[in-house]
Every structure is written in C-alpha cells, then in structure tokens.
C-alpha atoms as a PDB file:
ATOM      1  CA  UNK A   1      -5.372 -14.682 -27.881  1.00  0.00           C
ATOM      2  CA  UNK A   2      -5.105 -14.138 -31.707  1.00  0.00           C
ATOM      3  CA  UNK A   3      -8.319 -14.284 -33.470  1.00  0.00           C
ATOM      4  CA  UNK A   4      -9.066 -17.016 -35.984  1.00  0.00           C
ATOM      5  CA  UNK A   5     -11.343 -16.918 -39.023  1.00  0.00           C
ATOM      6  CA  UNK A   6     -14.438 -18.864 -39.648  1.00  0.00           C
ATOM      7  CA  UNK A   7     -14.998 -19.826 -43.310  1.00  0.00           C
ATOM      8  CA  UNK A   8     -18.761 -20.114 -44.617  1.00  0.00           C
ATOM      9  CA  UNK A   9     -19.598 -23.304 -46.455  1.00  0.00           C
ATOM     10  CA  UNK A  10     -22.660 -24.409 -48.339  1.00  0.00           C
ATOM     11  CA  UNK A  11     -23.422 -26.127 -51.622  1.00  0.00           C
ATOM     12  CA  UNK A  12     -20.691 -28.453 -52.976  1.00  0.00           C
ATOM     13  CA  UNK A  13     -21.408 -27.343 -56.652  1.00  0.00           C
ATOM     14  CA  UNK A  14     -18.362 -26.638 -58.763  1.00  0.00           C
ATOM     15  CA  UNK A  15     -17.596 -23.095 -59.756  1.00  0.00           C
ATOM     16  CA  UNK A  16     -15.181 -21.836 -62.349  1.00  0.00           C
ATOM     17  CA  UNK A  17     -13.762 -19.021 -60.412  1.00  0.00           C
ATOM     18  CA  UNK A  18     -11.044 -19.270 -57.609  1.00  0.00           C
ATOM     19  CA  UNK A  19     -12.342 -18.559 -54.135  1.00  0.00           C
ATOM     20  CA  UNK A  20     -11.389 -15.255 -52.803  1.00  0.00           C
ATOM     21  CA  UNK A  21      -9.644 -15.305 -49.462  1.00  0.00           C
ATOM     22  CA  UNK A  22     -11.571 -13.863 -46.576  1.00  0.00           C
ATOM     23  CA  UNK A  23     -11.212  -9.994 -45.892  1.00  0.00           C
ATOM     24  CA  UNK A  24      -8.683  -9.508 -43.238  1.00  0.00           C
ATOM     25  CA  UNK A  25     -10.104  -7.966 -40.118  1.00  0.00           C
ATOM     26  CA  UNK A  26      -9.451  -4.258 -39.808  1.00  0.00           C
ATOM     27  CA  UNK A  27      -7.166  -3.645 -36.951  1.00  0.00           C
ATOM     28  CA  UNK A  28      -5.403  -0.485 -36.467  1.00  0.00           C
ATOM     29  CA  UNK A  29      -1.608  -1.096 -36.073  1.00  0.00           C
ATOM     30  CA  UNK A  30      -1.435   1.042 -32.769  1.00  0.00           C
ATOM     31  CA  UNK A  31      -4.057  -1.139 -31.212  1.00  0.00           C
ATOM     32  CA  UNK A  32      -2.065  -4.461 -31.547  1.00  0.00           C
ATOM     33  CA  UNK A  33       0.948  -4.733 -29.050  1.00  0.00           C
ATOM     34  CA  UNK A  34       3.204  -7.755 -29.022  1.00  0.00           C
ATOM     35  CA  UNK A  35       5.374  -9.545 -26.264  1.00  0.00           C
ATOM     36  CA  UNK A  36       8.978  -8.199 -26.351  1.00  0.00           C
ATOM     37  CA  UNK A  37      10.280 -11.734 -26.326  1.00  0.00           C
ATOM     38  CA  UNK A  38       7.735 -13.439 -28.575  1.00  0.00           C
ATOM     39  CA  UNK A  39       7.340 -10.896 -31.374  1.00  0.00           C
ATOM     40  CA  UNK A  40       4.332 -12.783 -32.941  1.00  0.00           C
ATOM     41  CA  UNK A  41       2.223 -13.066 -29.727  1.00  0.00           C
ATOM     42  CA  UNK A  42      -0.335 -10.182 -29.152  1.00  0.00           C
ATOM     43  CA  UNK A  43      -0.608  -9.038 -25.550  1.00  0.00           C
ATOM     44  CA  UNK A  44      -1.626  -6.229 -23.324  1.00  0.00           C
ATOM     45  CA  UNK A  45       0.004  -7.584 -20.261  1.00  0.00           C
ATOM     46  CA  UNK A  46       3.012  -5.614 -18.826  1.00  0.00           C
ATOM     47  CA  UNK A  47       5.775  -6.146 -16.374  1.00  0.00           C
ATOM     48  CA  UNK A  48       4.680  -4.139 -13.166  1.00  0.00           C
ATOM     49  CA  UNK A  49       8.450  -3.483 -12.498  1.00  0.00           C
ATOM     50  CA  UNK A  50       9.827  -2.134 -15.915  1.00  0.00           C
ATOM     51  CA  UNK A  51       6.645  -1.882 -17.834  1.00  0.00           C
ATOM     52  CA  UNK A  52       7.924  -4.136 -20.731  1.00  0.00           C
ATOM     53  CA  UNK A  53       5.148  -5.935 -22.637  1.00  0.00           C
ATOM     54  CA  UNK A  54       4.990  -9.673 -21.869  1.00  0.00           C
ATOM     55  CA  UNK A  55       2.704 -12.630 -22.827  1.00  0.00           C
ATOM     56  CA  UNK A  56       1.461 -15.293 -20.610  1.00  0.00           C
ATOM     57  CA  UNK A  57       4.456 -17.593 -21.246  1.00  0.00           C
ATOM     58  CA  UNK A  58       6.834 -14.815 -19.994  1.00  0.00           C
ATOM     59  CA  UNK A  59       4.943 -13.463 -17.057  1.00  0.00           C
ATOM     60  CA  UNK A  60       6.120 -14.525 -13.597  1.00  0.00           C
ATOM     61  CA  UNK A  61       3.892 -13.907 -10.743  1.00  0.00           C
ATOM     62  CA  UNK A  62       5.203 -11.428  -8.164  1.00  0.00           C
ATOM     63  CA  UNK A  63       4.108 -10.074  -4.824  1.00  0.00           C
ATOM     64  CA  UNK A  64       2.589  -7.012  -6.726  1.00  0.00           C
ATOM     65  CA  UNK A  65       1.536  -7.829 -10.391  1.00  0.00           C
ATOM     66  CA  UNK A  66       3.869  -9.904 -12.662  1.00  0.00           C
ATOM     67  CA  UNK A  67       7.511  -9.523 -13.764  1.00  0.00           C
ATOM     68  CA  UNK A  68       9.383 -10.291 -16.966  1.00  0.00           C
ATOM     69  CA  UNK A  69      12.172 -12.868 -16.849  1.00  0.00           C
ATOM     70  CA  UNK A  70      14.815 -10.094 -17.014  1.00  0.00           C
ATOM     71  CA  UNK A  71      13.439  -8.277 -13.930  1.00  0.00           C
ATOM     72  CA  UNK A  72      13.357 -11.526 -11.945  1.00  0.00           C
ATOM     73  CA  UNK A  73      16.910 -12.465 -13.083  1.00  0.00           C
ATOM     74  CA  UNK A  74      18.023  -9.009 -12.040  1.00  0.00           C
ATOM     75  CA  UNK A  75      16.433  -9.282  -8.619  1.00  0.00           C
ATOM     76  CA  UNK A  76      17.731 -12.710  -7.961  1.00  0.00           C
ATOM     77  CA  UNK A  77      21.307 -11.368  -8.477  1.00  0.00           C
ATOM     78  CA  UNK A  78      20.922  -9.042  -5.577  1.00  0.00           C
ATOM     79  CA  UNK A  79      18.551 -10.879  -3.429  1.00  0.00           C
ATOM     80  CA  UNK A  80      19.659 -12.447  -0.129  1.00  0.00           C
ATOM     81  CA  UNK A  81      20.179 -16.100   0.093  1.00  0.00           C
ATOM     82  CA  UNK A  82      17.150 -16.533   2.429  1.00  0.00           C
ATOM     83  CA  UNK A  83      14.558 -14.764   0.443  1.00  0.00           C
ATOM     84  CA  UNK A  84      11.483 -16.009   2.195  1.00  0.00           C
ATOM     85  CA  UNK A  85      12.825 -14.371   5.692  1.00  0.00           C
ATOM     86  CA  UNK A  86      11.099 -11.005   6.318  1.00  0.00           C
ATOM     87  CA  UNK A  87      14.266  -9.875   8.309  1.00  0.00           C
ATOM     88  CA  UNK A  88      16.094 -10.042   5.046  1.00  0.00           C
ATOM     89  CA  UNK A  89      13.395  -8.782   2.575  1.00  0.00           C
ATOM     90  CA  UNK A  90      11.841  -6.244   4.754  1.00  0.00           C
ATOM     91  CA  UNK A  91      14.147  -5.180   7.515  1.00  0.00           C
ATOM     92  CA  UNK A  92      11.998  -1.998   8.571  1.00  0.00           C
ATOM     93  CA  UNK A  93       8.886  -4.160   8.819  1.00  0.00           C
ATOM     94  CA  UNK A  94      10.840  -6.658  10.819  1.00  0.00           C
ATOM     95  CA  UNK A  95      12.208  -4.046  13.244  1.00  0.00           C
ATOM     96  CA  UNK A  96       8.917  -2.403  13.866  1.00  0.00           C
ATOM     97  CA  UNK A  97       7.197  -5.744  14.656  1.00  0.00           C
ATOM     98  CA  UNK A  98       9.954  -6.593  17.226  1.00  0.00           C
ATOM     99  CA  UNK A  99       9.664  -3.033  18.770  1.00  0.00           C
ATOM    100  CA  UNK A 100       6.019  -3.465  19.025  1.00  0.00           C
ATOM    101  CA  UNK A 101       6.118  -6.774  20.675  1.00  0.00           C
ATOM    102  CA  UNK A 102       8.830  -5.795  23.099  1.00  0.00           C
ATOM    103  CA  UNK A 103       6.965  -2.661  24.019  1.00  0.00           C
ATOM    104  CA  UNK A 104       3.538  -4.632  24.399  1.00  0.00           C
ATOM    105  CA  UNK A 105       5.279  -7.109  26.754  1.00  0.00           C
ATOM    106  CA  UNK A 106       6.701  -4.206  28.738  1.00  0.00           C
ATOM    107  CA  UNK A 107       3.322  -2.425  28.959  1.00  0.00           C
ATOM    108  CA  UNK A 108       1.554  -5.766  30.031  1.00  0.00           C
ATOM    109  CA  UNK A 109       3.808  -7.254  32.462  1.00  0.00           C
ATOM    110  CA  UNK A 110       6.708  -4.891  33.465  1.00  0.00           C
ATOM    111  CA  UNK A 111       5.844  -1.305  33.524  1.00  0.00           C
ATOM    112  CA  UNK A 112       1.957  -0.670  32.924  1.00  0.00           C
ATOM    113  CA  UNK A 113       2.342   2.951  33.518  1.00  0.00           C
ATOM    114  CA  UNK A 114       4.034   3.049  30.033  1.00  0.00           C
ATOM    115  CA  UNK A 115       0.703   3.157  28.441  1.00  0.00           C
ATOM    116  CA  UNK A 116      -0.186   6.474  30.168  1.00  0.00           C
ATOM    117  CA  UNK A 117       3.171   7.919  29.951  1.00  0.00           C
ATOM    118  CA  UNK A 118       3.444   7.787  26.104  1.00  0.00           C
ATOM    119  CA  UNK A 119      -0.216   7.086  25.109  1.00  0.00           C
ATOM    120  CA  UNK A 120      -2.112   9.763  23.042  1.00  0.00           C
ATOM    121  CA  UNK A 121      -3.830  11.878  25.701  1.00  0.00           C
ATOM    122  CA  UNK A 122      -5.383  14.809  24.280  1.00  0.00           C
ATOM    123  CA  UNK A 123      -5.095  17.013  27.396  1.00  0.00           C
ATOM    124  CA  UNK A 124      -1.218  16.339  27.629  1.00  0.00           C
ATOM    125  CA  UNK A 125      -0.817  16.934  23.849  1.00  0.00           C
ATOM    126  CA  UNK A 126      -2.589  20.314  24.088  1.00  0.00           C
ATOM    127  CA  UNK A 127      -0.098  21.186  27.021  1.00  0.00           C
ATOM    128  CA  UNK A 128       2.852  20.785  24.631  1.00  0.00           C
ATOM    129  CA  UNK A 129       3.679  16.955  24.850  1.00  0.00           C
ATOM    130  CA  UNK A 130       3.604  16.625  20.948  1.00  0.00           C
ATOM    131  CA  UNK A 131       5.808  13.383  21.059  1.00  0.00           C
ATOM    132  CA  UNK A 132       2.391  11.642  22.061  1.00  0.00           C
ATOM    133  CA  UNK A 133       1.370  12.040  18.495  1.00  0.00           C
ATOM    134  CA  UNK A 134       4.194   9.516  17.562  1.00  0.00           C
ATOM    135  CA  UNK A 135       4.713   7.287  20.363  1.00  0.00           C
ATOM    136  CA  UNK A 136       1.284   5.714  20.406  1.00  0.00           C
ATOM    137  CA  UNK A 137       1.953   3.848  17.197  1.00  0.00           C
ATOM    138  CA  UNK A 138       4.410   1.625  19.010  1.00  0.00           C
ATOM    139  CA  UNK A 139       1.948   0.949  21.882  1.00  0.00           C
ATOM    140  CA  UNK A 140      -1.014  -1.429  22.078  1.00  0.00           C
ATOM    141  CA  UNK A 141      -3.613  -2.185  24.769  1.00  0.00           C
ATOM    142  CA  UNK A 142      -1.886  -4.036  27.557  1.00  0.00           C
ATOM    143  CA  UNK A 143      -2.627  -7.667  27.903  1.00  0.00           C
ATOM    144  CA  UNK A 144      -5.183  -7.613  25.061  1.00  0.00           C
ATOM    145  CA  UNK A 145      -3.340  -9.876  22.714  1.00  0.00           C
ATOM    146  CA  UNK A 146      -5.900  -9.638  19.929  1.00  0.00           C
ATOM    147  CA  UNK A 147      -5.013  -5.925  19.524  1.00  0.00           C
ATOM    148  CA  UNK A 148      -1.263  -6.387  18.823  1.00  0.00           C
ATOM    149  CA  UNK A 149      -1.916  -9.706  17.183  1.00  0.00           C
ATOM    150  CA  UNK A 150      -4.233  -8.248  14.434  1.00  0.00           C
ATOM    151  CA  UNK A 151      -2.120  -5.212  13.884  1.00  0.00           C
ATOM    152  CA  UNK A 152       1.138  -7.290  13.599  1.00  0.00           C
ATOM    153  CA  UNK A 153      -0.565  -9.717  11.252  1.00  0.00           C
ATOM    154  CA  UNK A 154      -1.724  -6.897   9.033  1.00  0.00           C
ATOM    155  CA  UNK A 155       1.681  -5.278   8.972  1.00  0.00           C
ATOM    156  CA  UNK A 156       3.412  -8.612   8.325  1.00  0.00           C
ATOM    157  CA  UNK A 157       0.908  -9.316   5.452  1.00  0.00           C
ATOM    158  CA  UNK A 158       1.190  -5.958   3.598  1.00  0.00           C
ATOM    159  CA  UNK A 159       4.267  -4.299   5.003  1.00  0.00           C
ATOM    160  CA  UNK A 160       6.894  -6.251   3.053  1.00  0.00           C
ATOM    161  CA  UNK A 161       5.253  -5.634  -0.287  1.00  0.00           C
ATOM    162  CA  UNK A 162       5.105  -1.742   0.204  1.00  0.00           C
ATOM    163  CA  UNK A 163       8.662  -1.672   1.667  1.00  0.00           C
ATOM    164  CA  UNK A 164      10.013  -3.674  -1.385  1.00  0.00           C
ATOM    165  CA  UNK A 165       8.025  -1.311  -3.827  1.00  0.00           C
ATOM    166  CA  UNK A 166       9.093   1.983  -2.228  1.00  0.00           C
ATOM    167  CA  UNK A 167      12.608   1.179  -0.585  1.00  0.00           C
ATOM    168  CA  UNK A 168      13.378   0.809   3.106  1.00  0.00           C
ATOM    169  CA  UNK A 169      14.041   4.557   3.848  1.00  0.00           C
ATOM    170  CA  UNK A 170      10.877   5.777   2.179  1.00  0.00           C
ATOM    171  CA  UNK A 171       8.912   3.008   3.806  1.00  0.00           C
ATOM    172  CA  UNK A 172      10.049   4.283   7.330  1.00  0.00           C
ATOM    173  CA  UNK A 173       9.178   7.902   6.334  1.00  0.00           C
ATOM    174  CA  UNK A 174       5.796   6.696   5.054  1.00  0.00           C
ATOM    175  CA  UNK A 175       5.089   4.670   8.260  1.00  0.00           C
ATOM    176  CA  UNK A 176       6.021   7.514  10.626  1.00  0.00           C
ATOM    177  CA  UNK A 177       4.065  10.181   8.690  1.00  0.00           C
ATOM    178  CA  UNK A 178       0.957   8.016   8.380  1.00  0.00           C
ATOM    179  CA  UNK A 179       1.041   7.216  12.132  1.00  0.00           C
ATOM    180  CA  UNK A 180       1.502  10.866  12.997  1.00  0.00           C
ATOM    181  CA  UNK A 181      -1.405  11.914  10.611  1.00  0.00           C
ATOM    182  CA  UNK A 182      -3.588   9.086  12.244  1.00  0.00           C
ATOM    183  CA  UNK A 183      -2.773  10.714  15.586  1.00  0.00           C
ATOM    184  CA  UNK A 184      -3.393  14.221  14.456  1.00  0.00           C
ATOM    185  CA  UNK A 185      -6.779  13.398  13.043  1.00  0.00           C
ATOM    186  CA  UNK A 186      -7.750  11.678  16.260  1.00  0.00           C
ATOM    187  CA  UNK A 187      -6.582  14.526  18.337  1.00  0.00           C
ATOM    188  CA  UNK A 188      -8.221  17.174  16.292  1.00  0.00           C
ATOM    189  CA  UNK A 189     -11.717  15.669  16.038  1.00  0.00           C
ATOM    190  CA  UNK A 190     -11.940  13.003  18.618  1.00  0.00           C
ATOM    191  CA  UNK A 191     -12.849  12.832  22.387  1.00  0.00           C
ATOM    192  CA  UNK A 192     -10.547  14.541  24.796  1.00  0.00           C
ATOM    193  CA  UNK A 193     -11.257  11.878  27.480  1.00  0.00           C
ATOM    194  CA  UNK A 194      -9.344   9.081  25.931  1.00  0.00           C
ATOM    195  CA  UNK A 195      -5.911   7.465  25.680  1.00  0.00           C
ATOM    196  CA  UNK A 196      -5.035   6.467  22.195  1.00  0.00           C
ATOM    197  CA  UNK A 197      -2.735   3.578  21.422  1.00  0.00           C
ATOM    198  CA  UNK A 198      -2.016   1.260  18.478  1.00  0.00           C
ATOM    199  CA  UNK A 199      -0.293   0.998  15.153  1.00  0.00           C
ATOM    200  CA  UNK A 200      -3.397   0.795  12.983  1.00  0.00           C
ATOM    201  CA  UNK A 201      -3.198   4.476  11.852  1.00  0.00           C
ATOM    202  CA  UNK A 202       0.264   3.708  10.416  1.00  0.00           C
ATOM    203  CA  UNK A 203      -1.026   0.419   8.899  1.00  0.00           C
ATOM    204  CA  UNK A 204      -3.789   2.185   7.234  1.00  0.00           C
ATOM    205  CA  UNK A 205      -1.165   4.385   5.792  1.00  0.00           C
ATOM    206  CA  UNK A 206       0.683   1.394   4.343  1.00  0.00           C
ATOM    207  CA  UNK A 207      -2.593   0.283   2.781  1.00  0.00           C
ATOM    208  CA  UNK A 208      -3.153   3.663   1.446  1.00  0.00           C
ATOM    209  CA  UNK A 209       0.290   3.713  -0.152  1.00  0.00           C
ATOM    210  CA  UNK A 210      -0.146   0.175  -1.591  1.00  0.00           C
ATOM    211  CA  UNK A 211      -3.418   1.387  -2.991  1.00  0.00           C
ATOM    212  CA  UNK A 212      -1.665   4.202  -4.843  1.00  0.00           C
ATOM    213  CA  UNK A 213       1.023   1.938  -6.167  1.00  0.00           C
ATOM    214  CA  UNK A 214      -1.576  -0.539  -7.631  1.00  0.00           C
ATOM    215  CA  UNK A 215      -3.777   2.219  -9.145  1.00  0.00           C
ATOM    216  CA  UNK A 216      -0.804   3.603 -10.984  1.00  0.00           C
ATOM    217  CA  UNK A 217      -0.312   0.140 -12.570  1.00  0.00           C
ATOM    218  CA  UNK A 218      -3.892  -0.855 -13.041  1.00  0.00           C
ATOM    219  CA  UNK A 219      -3.557  -1.836 -16.675  1.00  0.00           C
ATOM    220  CA  UNK A 220      -2.871  -5.274 -15.578  1.00  0.00           C
ATOM    221  CA  UNK A 221      -5.794  -7.604 -14.786  1.00  0.00           C
ATOM    222  CA  UNK A 222      -3.924  -9.155 -11.878  1.00  0.00           C
ATOM    223  CA  UNK A 223      -3.143  -5.721 -10.446  1.00  0.00           C
ATOM    224  CA  UNK A 224      -6.780  -4.428 -10.627  1.00  0.00           C
ATOM    225  CA  UNK A 225      -7.964  -7.658  -8.864  1.00  0.00           C
ATOM    226  CA  UNK A 226      -5.367  -6.980  -6.042  1.00  0.00           C
ATOM    227  CA  UNK A 227      -6.380  -3.338  -5.785  1.00  0.00           C
ATOM    228  CA  UNK A 228     -10.182  -4.231  -5.526  1.00  0.00           C
ATOM    229  CA  UNK A 229      -9.212  -6.612  -2.656  1.00  0.00           C
ATOM    230  CA  UNK A 230      -7.208  -3.916  -0.913  1.00  0.00           C
ATOM    231  CA  UNK A 231     -10.289  -1.402  -1.211  1.00  0.00           C
ATOM    232  CA  UNK A 232     -12.545  -3.939   0.046  1.00  0.00           C
ATOM    233  CA  UNK A 233     -10.222  -4.496   3.140  1.00  0.00           C
ATOM    234  CA  UNK A 234      -9.983  -0.897   3.905  1.00  0.00           C
ATOM    235  CA  UNK A 235     -13.731  -0.260   3.694  1.00  0.00           C
ATOM    236  CA  UNK A 236     -14.692  -3.386   5.771  1.00  0.00           C
ATOM    237  CA  UNK A 237     -12.205  -2.315   8.435  1.00  0.00           C
ATOM    238  CA  UNK A 238     -13.686   1.189   8.490  1.00  0.00           C
ATOM    239  CA  UNK A 239     -17.071  -0.220   8.865  1.00  0.00           C
ATOM    240  CA  UNK A 240     -15.945  -2.393  11.651  1.00  0.00           C
ATOM    241  CA  UNK A 241     -14.333   0.548  13.321  1.00  0.00           C
ATOM    242  CA  UNK A 242     -17.541   2.471  13.139  1.00  0.00           C
ATOM    243  CA  UNK A 243     -19.747  -0.345  14.559  1.00  0.00           C
ATOM    244  CA  UNK A 244     -17.484  -1.522  17.454  1.00  0.00           C
ATOM    245  CA  UNK A 245     -16.783   0.287  20.536  1.00  0.00           C
ATOM    246  CA  UNK A 246     -13.228   1.599  21.590  1.00  0.00           C
ATOM    247  CA  UNK A 247     -11.992   1.586  17.985  1.00  0.00           C
ATOM    248  CA  UNK A 248     -10.473   4.976  16.928  1.00  0.00           C
ATOM    249  CA  UNK A 249     -11.797   5.279  13.360  1.00  0.00           C
ATOM    250  CA  UNK A 250     -10.442   8.727  13.065  1.00  0.00           C
ATOM    251  CA  UNK A 251      -6.940   7.445  13.632  1.00  0.00           C
ATOM    252  CA  UNK A 252      -7.619   5.014  10.740  1.00  0.00           C
ATOM    253  CA  UNK A 253      -8.957   7.596   8.436  1.00  0.00           C
ATOM    254  CA  UNK A 254      -6.161  10.042   9.126  1.00  0.00           C
ATOM    255  CA  UNK A 255      -3.403   7.326   8.633  1.00  0.00           C
ATOM    256  CA  UNK A 256      -5.148   6.433   5.360  1.00  0.00           C
ATOM    257  CA  UNK A 257      -5.077   9.881   4.050  1.00  0.00           C
ATOM    258  CA  UNK A 258      -1.507  10.313   5.120  1.00  0.00           C
ATOM    259  CA  UNK A 259      -0.432   7.121   3.359  1.00  0.00           C
ATOM    260  CA  UNK A 260      -2.262   8.169   0.177  1.00  0.00           C
ATOM    261  CA  UNK A 261      -0.489  11.395   0.142  1.00  0.00           C
ATOM    262  CA  UNK A 262       2.973  10.050   0.899  1.00  0.00           C
ATOM    263  CA  UNK A 263       2.420   7.227  -1.580  1.00  0.00           C
ATOM    264  CA  UNK A 264       1.466   9.518  -4.240  1.00  0.00           C
ATOM    265  CA  UNK A 265       4.627  11.594  -3.719  1.00  0.00           C
ATOM    266  CA  UNK A 266       7.017   8.612  -3.470  1.00  0.00           C
ATOM    267  CA  UNK A 267       5.651   6.266  -6.166  1.00  0.00           C
ATOM    268  CA  UNK A 268       7.426   6.292  -9.518  1.00  0.00           C
ATOM    269  CA  UNK A 269       4.966   4.645 -12.052  1.00  0.00           C
ATOM    270  CA  UNK A 270       5.876   3.955 -15.628  1.00  0.00           C
ATOM    271  CA  UNK A 271       6.114   7.251 -17.537  1.00  0.00           C
ATOM    272  CA  UNK A 272       6.366   9.536 -14.520  1.00  0.00           C
ATOM    273  CA  UNK A 273       9.217   9.998 -12.093  1.00  0.00           C
ATOM    274  CA  UNK A 274       9.491  12.789  -9.715  1.00  0.00           C
ATOM    275  CA  UNK A 275      12.933  14.054  -8.636  1.00  0.00           C
ATOM    276  CA  UNK A 276      14.034  13.168  -5.179  1.00  0.00           C
ATOM    277  CA  UNK A 277      13.759  16.830  -4.161  1.00  0.00           C
ATOM    278  CA  UNK A 278      10.047  17.065  -5.475  1.00  0.00           C
ATOM    279  CA  UNK A 279       9.209  13.679  -3.715  1.00  0.00           C
ATOM    280  CA  UNK A 280      10.650  15.101  -0.348  1.00  0.00           C
ATOM    281  CA  UNK A 281       8.756  18.390  -0.626  1.00  0.00           C
ATOM    282  CA  UNK A 282       5.499  16.507  -1.337  1.00  0.00           C
ATOM    283  CA  UNK A 283       5.919  14.211   1.534  1.00  0.00           C
ATOM    284  CA  UNK A 284       6.809  17.172   3.681  1.00  0.00           C
ATOM    285  CA  UNK A 285       3.696  18.952   2.660  1.00  0.00           C
ATOM    286  CA  UNK A 286       1.608  15.928   3.879  1.00  0.00           C
ATOM    287  CA  UNK A 287       3.302  16.152   7.260  1.00  0.00           C
ATOM    288  CA  UNK A 288       2.837  19.814   7.536  1.00  0.00           C
ATOM    289  CA  UNK A 289      -0.711  19.484   6.845  1.00  0.00           C
ATOM    290  CA  UNK A 290      -1.059  17.170   9.734  1.00  0.00           C
ATOM    291  CA  UNK A 291       1.097  19.746  11.873  1.00  0.00           C
ATOM    292  CA  UNK A 292      -1.331  22.253  10.885  1.00  0.00           C
ATOM    293  CA  UNK A 293      -4.275  20.261  12.084  1.00  0.00           C
ATOM    294  CA  UNK A 294      -2.634  19.680  15.431  1.00  0.00           C
ATOM    295  CA  UNK A 295      -1.921  23.456  15.821  1.00  0.00           C
ATOM    296  CA  UNK A 296      -5.245  24.363  14.881  1.00  0.00           C
ATOM    297  CA  UNK A 297      -6.970  21.975  17.475  1.00  0.00           C
ATOM    298  CA  UNK A 298      -4.321  23.144  20.274  1.00  0.00           C
ATOM    299  CA  UNK A 299      -5.211  26.810  19.658  1.00  0.00           C
ATOM    300  CA  UNK A 300      -8.944  25.867  20.055  1.00  0.00           C
ATOM    301  CA  UNK A 301      -8.629  23.112  22.631  1.00  0.00           C
ATOM    302  CA  UNK A 302     -11.618  22.938  24.831  1.00  0.00           C
ATOM    303  CA  UNK A 303     -12.332  19.766  27.026  1.00  0.00           C
ATOM    304  CA  UNK A 304     -15.636  19.771  28.754  1.00  0.00           C
END
C-alpha cells in the first residue's frame, strides 16, 4: 500500500512565513515497482505464469500462485468446456488413477498372484528382472483399501497442479523416473526379504517437482505459503513412515530425490529456460543415477 504522510501540529499562533511542505521520503526508483495495468499502484506481486507485475485488484487466484487477467483470458480460450473434470485438465493423472484402481481390484479379487509376479522382490531384481523396478508403482497392497485410497487421494490432490505446470508428456516422464528412483533406493539399501508395492515413491516425486516449481517462484507471498505447506506434508509423511511398520521410507526418499532432480530439469522459471535438449539430458542424468544405484546393488547383492 502507498505510504501517507503525518503532519505535525502544535500552537495555533500565526507566523509570517509560508509553511514548508514535508520532505518527501527518500525512495530509490528501482525499489518501487508498479502494476502493469494500474500504473500508479505500487506492488511487488507478480503473475506466477508470465511474471508480469500485478496489484491486488488484478491478481486472480490460481492453483499455484496467482495469474494476471491476460493469462487467465488466454487459458480460457484453450481450456476445455468442463474445466473441473480431472479427465480434461489432467489426463495423465486420470489415466494413472484408473490403471491403479483396475490393477488393485485385480490383485484383490481376481488374480492375487499378480502382487508377487510384478512386485519389487529384491532377489528377483538381482536375477535380472528389472521391470520390477517400474511395475510396483501401479500395484498396491491387496484388499487394503486404505493403501490405494491414500495414494489415490494424494495423486488426485497434487497431480493435476504439477501436470498443468509441466505439461502432460513431462509429467508422465517425471512420474515414471520418480517411481523408478524410489524402487532403486529401496532395492539398494532396503531389506532383501520384502515385496514392495505402491505408488507413493512416484507421488513423492510429484511433490518434489511441485516444491521446485514453487521455490523458483517464491517471491509471491501466496506461493511461499503454499511451499511451506508442501514441505510440512513431505516431512510429516517421512516421519510417519519412520514410525509405522511396513512403510518403505527409502522408496519415498528415492522418489522425492528423483522428483526434485527431474523437476529442476523441466521447470522454466522467469528469467531461465533450458532448451528442450538440455532438459532431456538433465532428466536422463537423474534416471542414469538411479540405474547406477541398481547396478551397484546388483553387483554386491548379498541376501542373508
């Protein structure tokens, strides 16, 4: 808000001189920024989409931060008619949710051996069945509705924001690399007498990418508050995973690290944009790091 001046007053005795106006506050020109639409309104708020300076009258709340009227109008032109439907706004998230539910129903009521056929079993991975580092992210504990229910809700809650921020193809790549990284971390440092299933490693990767996106736009008070909430959610879930039995915190941590890496590669914050080739190389580097971890564990695999 613009600052006002407080004028001193005292005796009402007349004086012969004309009162001097108050000295203006010394403000360096570069410290004062103004709304692009209301040129006389100082502001430090920016559109989280185009980085344009906007005031409170122009700011329109968005899923991440706030947008200017121009960006909202542009998005509305290309938006589907049913904007609230996840199938229209986040088709990759919608597809993953459907696959997870169908597979879980199959595991629980049709073909229970599916869990052991495609779950992350370290001995089988060491024997060369590397596909088990990918397939577990589409499996969940049979019959345990809380497991798939919690993961599905988390993906439904945060997945669409990240998919809209990064794009459909990049989101799918992010999800798969984060899930693979989570499985690789669990395989490398976890117990060899276990069967790993669940999408939580990939979902932690989604949260990691969201954290990168918010951090790169942290000038906005709204974005900083959202970022703190995401950090709190990550920390509390890691603590719960450490306390409760049968929760693979290593997979959570590996997925989070993978998501942070791929998110940093794919994000294009204001003032920086990696070429598509560089983004692909950086994402590939994250994947190769996870592959290297798997190779290291396989070459030193001992299960006693």
